[in-house]
Amino acid sequence: MNVIAEKSWSFVLFDDGEGWVMTVLIGGVVEVDVCVRLSNSEMEWIRADLARAETLAEGVKSNRANFAEREIRPPVWPPKN
């Protein structure tokens, strides 16, 4: 797995060999990890500007239901090196 972008205590975006996956930490009363497989258009959008990964992570946090069909359960994180 290759990490593409990350922000501590927020999200990690990585390539799992089958495509790009974003795992987002959603805080609140209970912390929850939400893991979503990105679409081709999302990957191209982020490739154009890696800073957009944070924008997408915020979108996952605020509109989790919009990503439900692509959610990976249980959430995955890339292994630490």
PDB file of N, CA and C in Angstrom:
ATOM      1  N   MET A   1       0.836  -1.171   0.000  1.00  0.00           N
ATOM      2  CA  MET A   1       0.000   0.000   0.000  1.00  0.00           C
ATOM      3  C   MET A   1       0.883   1.237   0.000  1.00  0.00           C
ATOM      4  N   ASN A   2       0.526   2.181  -0.840  1.00  0.00           N
ATOM      5  CA  ASN A   2       1.300   3.397  -0.997  1.00  0.00           C
ATOM      6  C   ASN A   2       0.479   4.591  -0.509  1.00  0.00           C
ATOM      7  N   VAL A   3       0.972   5.317   0.497  1.00  0.00           N
ATOM      8  CA  VAL A   3       0.282   6.493   1.007  1.00  0.00           C
ATOM      9  C   VAL A   3       0.474   7.637   0.016  1.00  0.00           C
ATOM     10  N   ILE A   4      -0.644   8.258  -0.370  1.00  0.00           N
ATOM     11  CA  ILE A   4      -0.637   9.357  -1.337  1.00  0.00           C
ATOM     12  C   ILE A   4      -0.673  10.697  -0.612  1.00  0.00           C
ATOM     13  N   ALA A   5      -1.530  10.799   0.406  1.00  0.00           N
ATOM     14  CA  ALA A   5      -1.655  12.037   1.192  1.00  0.00           C
ATOM     15  C   ALA A   5      -2.197  11.662   2.564  1.00  0.00           C
ATOM     16  N   GLU A   6      -1.862  12.469   3.555  1.00  0.00           N
ATOM     17  CA  GLU A   6      -2.400  12.228   4.892  1.00  0.00           C
ATOM     18  C   GLU A   6      -2.324  13.485   5.730  1.00  0.00           C
ATOM     19  N   LYS A   7      -3.195  13.535   6.722  1.00  0.00           N
ATOM     20  CA  LYS A   7      -3.179  14.598   7.721  1.00  0.00           C
ATOM     21  C   LYS A   7      -3.452  13.921   9.051  1.00  0.00           C
ATOM     22  N   SER A   8      -2.542  14.087   9.993  1.00  0.00           N
ATOM     23  CA  SER A   8      -2.668  13.433  11.296  1.00  0.00           C
ATOM     24  C   SER A   8      -4.019  13.729  11.935  1.00  0.00           C
ATOM     25  N   TRP A   9      -4.608  12.709  12.520  1.00  0.00           N
ATOM     26  CA  TRP A   9      -5.879  12.801  13.233  1.00  0.00           C
ATOM     27  C   TRP A   9      -7.019  13.269  12.332  1.00  0.00           C
ATOM     28  N   SER A  10      -6.868  13.080  11.015  1.00  0.00           N
ATOM     29  CA  SER A  10      -7.921  13.502  10.097  1.00  0.00           C
ATOM     30  C   SER A  10      -8.195  12.430   9.040  1.00  0.00           C
ATOM     31  N   PHE A  11      -7.201  12.169   8.182  1.00  0.00           N
ATOM     32  CA  PHE A  11      -7.417  11.213   7.100  1.00  0.00           C
ATOM     33  C   PHE A  11      -6.099  10.650   6.582  1.00  0.00           C
ATOM     34  N   VAL A  12      -6.215   9.562   5.851  1.00  0.00           N
ATOM     35  CA  VAL A  12      -5.105   9.034   5.066  1.00  0.00           C
ATOM     36  C   VAL A  12      -5.685   8.567   3.733  1.00  0.00           C
ATOM     37  N   LEU A  13      -4.985   8.892   2.661  1.00  0.00           N
ATOM     38  CA  LEU A  13      -5.368   8.484   1.308  1.00  0.00           C
ATOM     39  C   LEU A  13      -4.257   7.585   0.795  1.00  0.00           C
ATOM     40  N   PHE A  14      -4.626   6.388   0.348  1.00  0.00           N
ATOM     41  CA  PHE A  14      -3.597   5.453  -0.099  1.00  0.00           C
ATOM     42  C   PHE A  14      -4.092   4.608  -1.254  1.00  0.00           C
ATOM     43  N   ASP A  15      -3.131   4.041  -1.969  1.00  0.00           N
ATOM     44  CA  ASP A  15      -3.406   3.124  -3.073  1.00  0.00           C
ATOM     45  C   ASP A  15      -3.254   1.716  -2.512  1.00  0.00           C
ATOM     46  N   ASP A  16      -4.313   0.923  -2.591  1.00  0.00           N
ATOM     47  CA  ASP A  16      -4.261  -0.438  -2.045  1.00  0.00           C
ATOM     48  C   ASP A  16      -3.964  -1.485  -3.118  1.00  0.00           C
ATOM     49  N   GLY A  17      -3.569  -1.034  -4.296  1.00  0.00           N
ATOM     50  CA  GLY A  17      -3.277  -1.945  -5.402  1.00  0.00           C
ATOM     51  C   GLY A  17      -4.466  -2.175  -6.304  1.00  0.00           C
ATOM     52  N   GLU A  18      -5.651  -1.832  -5.831  1.00  0.00           N
ATOM     53  CA  GLU A  18      -6.875  -1.956  -6.635  1.00  0.00           C
ATOM     54  C   GLU A  18      -7.464  -0.582  -6.948  1.00  0.00           C
ATOM     55  N   GLY A  19      -6.936   0.448  -6.360  1.00  0.00           N
ATOM     56  CA  GLY A  19      -7.441   1.807  -6.515  1.00  0.00           C
ATOM     57  C   GLY A  19      -7.104   2.610  -5.282  1.00  0.00           C
ATOM     58  N   TRP A  20      -7.680   3.804  -5.185  1.00  0.00           N
ATOM     59  CA  TRP A  20      -7.409   4.677  -4.061  1.00  0.00           C
ATOM     60  C   TRP A  20      -8.477   4.514  -2.998  1.00  0.00           C
ATOM     61  N   VAL A  21      -8.039   4.530  -1.750  1.00  0.00           N
ATOM     62  CA  VAL A  21      -8.915   4.387  -0.594  1.00  0.00           C
ATOM     63  C   VAL A  21      -8.621   5.538   0.353  1.00  0.00           C
ATOM     64  N   MET A  22      -9.678   6.136   0.904  1.00  0.00           N
ATOM     65  CA  MET A  22      -9.506   7.191   1.898  1.00  0.00           C
ATOM     66  C   MET A  22     -10.161   6.735   3.199  1.00  0.00           C
ATOM     67  N   THR A  23      -9.385   6.774   4.268  1.00  0.00           N
ATOM     68  CA  THR A  23      -9.916   6.487   5.591  1.00  0.00           C
ATOM     69  C   THR A  23      -9.913   7.795   6.357  1.00  0.00           C
ATOM     70  N   VAL A  24     -11.080   8.139   6.894  1.00  0.00           N
ATOM     71  CA  VAL A  24     -11.290   9.420   7.557  1.00  0.00           C
ATOM     72  C   VAL A  24     -11.679   9.165   9.006  1.00  0.00           C
ATOM     73  N   LEU A  25     -11.073   9.904   9.919  1.00  0.00           N
ATOM     74  CA  LEU A  25     -11.438   9.847  11.329  1.00  0.00           C
ATOM     75  C   LEU A  25     -12.534  10.878  11.563  1.00  0.00           C
ATOM     76  N   ILE A  26     -13.680  10.397  12.010  1.00  0.00           N
ATOM     77  CA  ILE A  26     -14.795  11.289  12.315  1.00  0.00           C
ATOM     78  C   ILE A  26     -14.917  11.348  13.823  1.00  0.00           C
ATOM     79  N   GLY A  27     -14.748  12.536  14.370  1.00  0.00           N
ATOM     80  CA  GLY A  27     -14.802  12.721  15.811  1.00  0.00           C
ATOM     81  C   GLY A  27     -16.204  13.052  16.281  1.00  0.00           C
ATOM     82  N   GLY A  28     -16.343  13.101  17.547  1.00  0.00           N
ATOM     83  CA  GLY A  28     -17.622  13.383  18.174  1.00  0.00           C
ATOM     84  C   GLY A  28     -17.640  12.699  19.521  1.00  0.00           C
ATOM     85  N   VAL A  29     -18.814  12.305  19.962  1.00  0.00           N
ATOM     86  CA  VAL A  29     -18.919  11.572  21.218  1.00  0.00           C
ATOM     87  C   VAL A  29     -18.109  10.284  21.128  1.00  0.00           C
ATOM     88  N   VAL A  30     -18.191   9.644  19.967  1.00  0.00           N
ATOM     89  CA  VAL A  30     -17.429   8.428  19.698  1.00  0.00           C
ATOM     90  C   VAL A  30     -16.649   8.646  18.407  1.00  0.00           C
ATOM     91  N   GLU A  31     -15.362   8.324  18.417  1.00  0.00           N
ATOM     92  CA  GLU A  31     -14.576   8.432  17.188  1.00  0.00           C
ATOM     93  C   GLU A  31     -14.858   7.234  16.306  1.00  0.00           C
ATOM     94  N   VAL A  32     -15.065   7.501  15.015  1.00  0.00           N
ATOM     95  CA  VAL A  32     -15.383   6.465  14.050  1.00  0.00           C
ATOM     96  C   VAL A  32     -14.469   6.631  12.848  1.00  0.00           C
ATOM     97  N   ASP A  33     -13.938   5.524  12.346  1.00  0.00           N
ATOM     98  CA  ASP A  33     -13.170   5.540  11.108  1.00  0.00           C
ATOM     99  C   ASP A  33     -14.115   5.183   9.971  1.00  0.00           C
ATOM    100  N   VAL A  34     -14.113   5.996   8.921  1.00  0.00           N
ATOM    101  CA  VAL A  34     -14.917   5.728   7.736  1.00  0.00           C
ATOM    102  C   VAL A  34     -13.953   5.559   6.575  1.00  0.00           C
ATOM    103  N   CYS A  35     -14.104   4.470   5.859  1.00  0.00           N
ATOM    104  CA  CYS A  35     -13.199   4.126   4.767  1.00  0.00           C
ATOM    105  C   CYS A  35     -14.004   4.050   3.468  1.00  0.00           C
ATOM    106  N   VAL A  36     -13.547   4.769   2.440  1.00  0.00           N
ATOM    107  CA  VAL A  36     -14.277   4.874   1.181  1.00  0.00           C
ATOM    108  C   VAL A  36     -13.330   4.615   0.013  1.00  0.00           C
ATOM    109  N   ARG A  37     -13.808   3.832  -0.965  1.00  0.00           N
ATOM    110  CA  ARG A  37     -13.059   3.652  -2.212  1.00  0.00           C
ATOM    111  C   ARG A  37     -13.396   4.815  -3.132  1.00  0.00           C
ATOM    112  N   LEU A  38     -12.366   5.490  -3.654  1.00  0.00           N
ATOM    113  CA  LEU A  38     -12.587   6.662  -4.493  1.00  0.00           C
ATOM    114  C   LEU A  38     -12.973   6.272  -5.913  1.00  0.00           C
ATOM    115  N   SER A  39     -13.773   7.120  -6.523  1.00  0.00           N
ATOM    116  CA  SER A  39     -14.147   6.939  -7.924  1.00  0.00           C
ATOM    117  C   SER A  39     -12.997   7.435  -8.807  1.00  0.00           C
ATOM    118  N   ASN A  40     -13.045   7.076 -10.079  1.00  0.00           N
ATOM    119  CA  ASN A  40     -12.015   7.547 -11.010  1.00  0.00           C
ATOM    120  C   ASN A  40     -11.994   9.067 -11.090  1.00  0.00           C
ATOM    121  N   SER A  41     -13.165   9.694 -11.089  1.00  0.00           N
ATOM    122  CA  SER A  41     -13.197  11.159 -11.183  1.00  0.00           C
ATOM    123  C   SER A  41     -12.613  11.800  -9.921  1.00  0.00           C
ATOM    124  N   GLU A  42     -12.841  11.217  -8.756  1.00  0.00           N
ATOM    125  CA  GLU A  42     -12.249  11.742  -7.521  1.00  0.00           C
ATOM    126  C   GLU A  42     -10.730  11.596  -7.546  1.00  0.00           C
ATOM    127  N   MET A  43     -10.248  10.460  -8.051  1.00  0.00           N
ATOM    128  CA  MET A  43      -8.796  10.268  -8.136  1.00  0.00           C
ATOM    129  C   MET A  43      -8.170  11.305  -9.060  1.00  0.00           C
ATOM    130  N   GLU A  44      -8.771  11.549 -10.217  1.00  0.00           N
ATOM    131  CA  GLU A  44      -8.235  12.532 -11.164  1.00  0.00           C
ATOM    132  C   GLU A  44      -8.278  13.940 -10.574  1.00  0.00           C
ATOM    133  N   TRP A  45      -9.355  14.250  -9.856  1.00  0.00           N
ATOM    134  CA  TRP A  45      -9.517  15.561  -9.232  1.00  0.00           C
ATOM    135  C   TRP A  45      -8.405  15.799  -8.214  1.00  0.00           C
ATOM    136  N   ILE A  46      -8.082  14.794  -7.429  1.00  0.00           N
ATOM    137  CA  ILE A  46      -7.019  14.922  -6.418  1.00  0.00           C
ATOM    138  C   ILE A  46      -5.643  14.900  -7.076  1.00  0.00           C
ATOM    139  N   ARG A  47      -5.459  14.099  -8.116  1.00  0.00           N
ATOM    140  CA  ARG A  47      -4.155  14.083  -8.818  1.00  0.00           C
ATOM    141  C   ARG A  47      -3.781  15.482  -9.308  1.00  0.00           C
ATOM    142  N   ALA A  48      -4.778  16.253  -9.708  1.00  0.00           N
ATOM    143  CA  ALA A  48      -4.518  17.605 -10.212  1.00  0.00           C
ATOM    144  C   ALA A  48      -4.032  18.545  -9.111  1.00  0.00           C
ATOM    145  N   ASP A  49      -4.391  18.241  -7.852  1.00  0.00           N
ATOM    146  CA  ASP A  49      -3.990  19.081  -6.726  1.00  0.00           C
ATOM    147  C   ASP A  49      -4.167  18.270  -5.442  1.00  0.00           C
ATOM    148  N   LEU A  50      -3.070  17.773  -4.870  1.00  0.00           N
ATOM    149  CA  LEU A  50      -3.150  16.916  -3.685  1.00  0.00           C
ATOM    150  C   LEU A  50      -3.846  17.577  -2.494  1.00  0.00           C
ATOM    151  N   ALA A  51      -3.859  18.905  -2.443  1.00  0.00           N
ATOM    152  CA  ALA A  51      -4.549  19.597  -1.355  1.00  0.00           C
ATOM    153  C   ALA A  51      -6.043  19.302  -1.369  1.00  0.00           C
ATOM    154  N   ARG A  52      -6.569  18.868  -2.487  1.00  0.00           N
ATOM    155  CA  ARG A  52      -7.984  18.540  -2.595  1.00  0.00           C
ATOM    156  C   ARG A  52      -8.361  17.308  -1.767  1.00  0.00           C
ATOM    157  N   ALA A  53      -7.379  16.505  -1.391  1.00  0.00           N
ATOM    158  CA  ALA A  53      -7.661  15.326  -0.563  1.00  0.00           C
ATOM    159  C   ALA A  53      -8.314  15.755   0.746  1.00  0.00           C
ATOM    160  N   GLU A  54      -7.846  16.853   1.320  1.00  0.00           N
ATOM    161  CA  GLU A  54      -8.431  17.339   2.570  1.00  0.00           C
ATOM    162  C   GLU A  54      -9.878  17.796   2.347  1.00  0.00           C
ATOM    163  N   THR A  55     -10.147  18.403   1.217  1.00  0.00           N
ATOM    164  CA  THR A  55     -11.513  18.822   0.881  1.00  0.00           C
ATOM    165  C   THR A  55     -12.429  17.611   0.787  1.00  0.00           C
ATOM    166  N   LEU A  56     -11.948  16.551   0.151  1.00  0.00           N
ATOM    167  CA  LEU A  56     -12.760  15.345   0.037  1.00  0.00           C
ATOM    168  C   LEU A  56     -12.980  14.714   1.410  1.00  0.00           C
ATOM    169  N   ALA A  57     -11.946  14.699   2.244  1.00  0.00           N
ATOM    170  CA  ALA A  57     -12.093  14.149   3.595  1.00  0.00           C
ATOM    171  C   ALA A  57     -13.156  14.914   4.377  1.00  0.00           C
ATOM    172  N   GLU A  58     -13.179  16.225   4.247  1.00  0.00           N
ATOM    173  CA  GLU A  58     -14.209  17.022   4.920  1.00  0.00           C
ATOM    174  C   GLU A  58     -15.592  16.684   4.369  1.00  0.00           C
ATOM    175  N   GLY A  59     -15.675  16.399   3.072  1.00  0.00           N
ATOM    176  CA  GLY A  59     -16.943  15.996   2.476  1.00  0.00           C
ATOM    177  C   GLY A  59     -17.436  14.669   3.025  1.00  0.00           C
ATOM    178  N   VAL A  60     -16.519  13.747   3.238  1.00  0.00           N
ATOM    179  CA  VAL A  60     -16.883  12.454   3.832  1.00  0.00           C
ATOM    180  C   VAL A  60     -17.393  12.670   5.254  1.00  0.00           C
ATOM    181  N   LYS A  61     -16.716  13.519   6.006  1.00  0.00           N
ATOM    182  CA  LYS A  61     -17.127  13.794   7.390  1.00  0.00           C
ATOM    183  C   LYS A  61     -18.521  14.405   7.457  1.00  0.00           C
ATOM    184  N   SER A  62     -18.786  15.359   6.588  1.00  0.00           N
ATOM    185  CA  SER A  62     -20.048  16.090   6.679  1.00  0.00           C
ATOM    186  C   SER A  62     -21.212  15.413   5.958  1.00  0.00           C
ATOM    187  N   ASN A  63     -20.908  14.526   5.013  1.00  0.00           N
ATOM    188  CA  ASN A  63     -21.969  13.876   4.232  1.00  0.00           C
ATOM    189  C   ASN A  63     -21.684  12.390   4.058  1.00  0.00           C
ATOM    190  N   ARG A  64     -21.467  11.703   5.151  1.00  0.00           N
ATOM    191  CA  ARG A  64     -21.098  10.286   5.103  1.00  0.00           C
ATOM    192  C   ARG A  64     -22.079   9.462   4.263  1.00  0.00           C
ATOM    193  N   ALA A  65     -23.358   9.773   4.334  1.00  0.00           N
ATOM    194  CA  ALA A  65     -24.373   9.018   3.596  1.00  0.00           C
ATOM    195  C   ALA A  65     -24.131   9.054   2.089  1.00  0.00           C
ATOM    196  N   ASN A  66     -23.536  10.126   1.584  1.00  0.00           N
ATOM    197  CA  ASN A  66     -23.256  10.231   0.145  1.00  0.00           C
ATOM    198  C   ASN A  66     -22.224   9.209  -0.322  1.00  0.00           C
ATOM    199  N   PHE A  67     -21.469   8.638   0.604  1.00  0.00           N
ATOM    200  CA  PHE A  67     -20.404   7.707   0.268  1.00  0.00           C
ATOM    201  C   PHE A  67     -20.721   6.274   0.704  1.00  0.00           C
ATOM    202  N   ALA A  68     -21.905   6.070   1.249  1.00  0.00           N
ATOM    203  CA  ALA A  68     -22.274   4.779   1.854  1.00  0.00           C
ATOM    204  C   ALA A  68     -22.118   3.603   0.898  1.00  0.00           C
ATOM    205  N   GLU A  69     -22.443   3.771  -0.363  1.00  0.00           N
ATOM    206  CA  GLU A  69     -22.357   2.664  -1.324  1.00  0.00           C
ATOM    207  C   GLU A  69     -20.921   2.229  -1.581  1.00  0.00           C
ATOM    208  N   ARG A  70     -19.969   3.117  -1.301  1.00  0.00           N
ATOM    209  CA  ARG A  70     -18.549   2.798  -1.545  1.00  0.00           C
ATOM    210  C   ARG A  70     -17.770   2.593  -0.259  1.00  0.00           C
ATOM    211  N   GLU A  71     -18.474   2.562   0.853  1.00  0.00           N
ATOM    212  CA  GLU A  71     -17.807   2.411   2.148  1.00  0.00           C
ATOM    213  C   GLU A  71     -17.260   0.992   2.303  1.00  0.00           C
ATOM    214  N   ILE A  72     -16.050   0.901   2.805  1.00  0.00           N
ATOM    215  CA  ILE A  72     -15.388  -0.383   3.055  1.00  0.00           C
ATOM    216  C   ILE A  72     -15.494  -0.664   4.548  1.00  0.00           C
ATOM    217  N   ARG A  73     -16.007  -1.841   4.867  1.00  0.00           N
ATOM    218  CA  ARG A  73     -16.148  -2.235   6.277  1.00  0.00           C
ATOM    219  C   ARG A  73     -15.520  -3.589   6.478  1.00  0.00           C
ATOM    220  N   PRO A  74     -14.754  -3.776   7.494  1.00  0.00           N
ATOM    221  CA  PRO A  74     -14.303  -2.762   8.446  1.00  0.00           C
ATOM    222  C   PRO A  74     -13.322  -1.809   7.785  1.00  0.00           C
ATOM    223  N   PRO A  75     -13.137  -0.621   8.358  1.00  0.00           N
ATOM    224  CA  PRO A  75     -12.205   0.359   7.798  1.00  0.00           C
ATOM    225  C   PRO A  75     -10.786  -0.206   7.766  1.00  0.00           C
ATOM    226  N   VAL A  76     -10.029   0.232   6.799  1.00  0.00           N
ATOM    227  CA  VAL A  76      -8.625  -0.198   6.682  1.00  0.00           C
ATOM    228  C   VAL A  76      -7.707   1.012   6.757  1.00  0.00           C
ATOM    229  N   TRP A  77      -6.543   0.770   7.292  1.00  0.00           N
ATOM    230  CA  TRP A  77      -5.479   1.764   7.364  1.00  0.00           C
ATOM    231  C   TRP A  77      -4.241   1.120   6.740  1.00  0.00           C
ATOM    232  N   PRO A  78      -3.407   1.890   6.057  1.00  0.00           N
ATOM    233  CA  PRO A  78      -2.170   1.302   5.533  1.00  0.00           C
ATOM    234  C   PRO A  78      -1.266   0.895   6.680  1.00  0.00           C
ATOM    235  N   PRO A  79      -0.480  -0.160   6.507  1.00  0.00           N
ATOM    236  CA  PRO A  79       0.427  -0.582   7.578  1.00  0.00           C
ATOM    237  C   PRO A  79       1.498   0.465   7.833  1.00  0.00           C
ATOM    238  N   LYS A  80       1.903   0.602   9.079  1.00  0.00           N
ATOM    239  CA  LYS A  80       2.990   1.518   9.441  1.00  0.00           C
ATOM    240  C   LYS A  80       4.312   0.875   9.033  1.00  0.00           C
ATOM    241  N   ASN A  81       5.209   1.682   8.501  1.00  0.00           N
ATOM    242  CA  ASN A  81       6.530   1.168   8.085  1.00  0.00           C
ATOM    243  C   ASN A  81       7.473   1.149   9.237  1.00  0.00           C
TER     244      ASN A  81
END
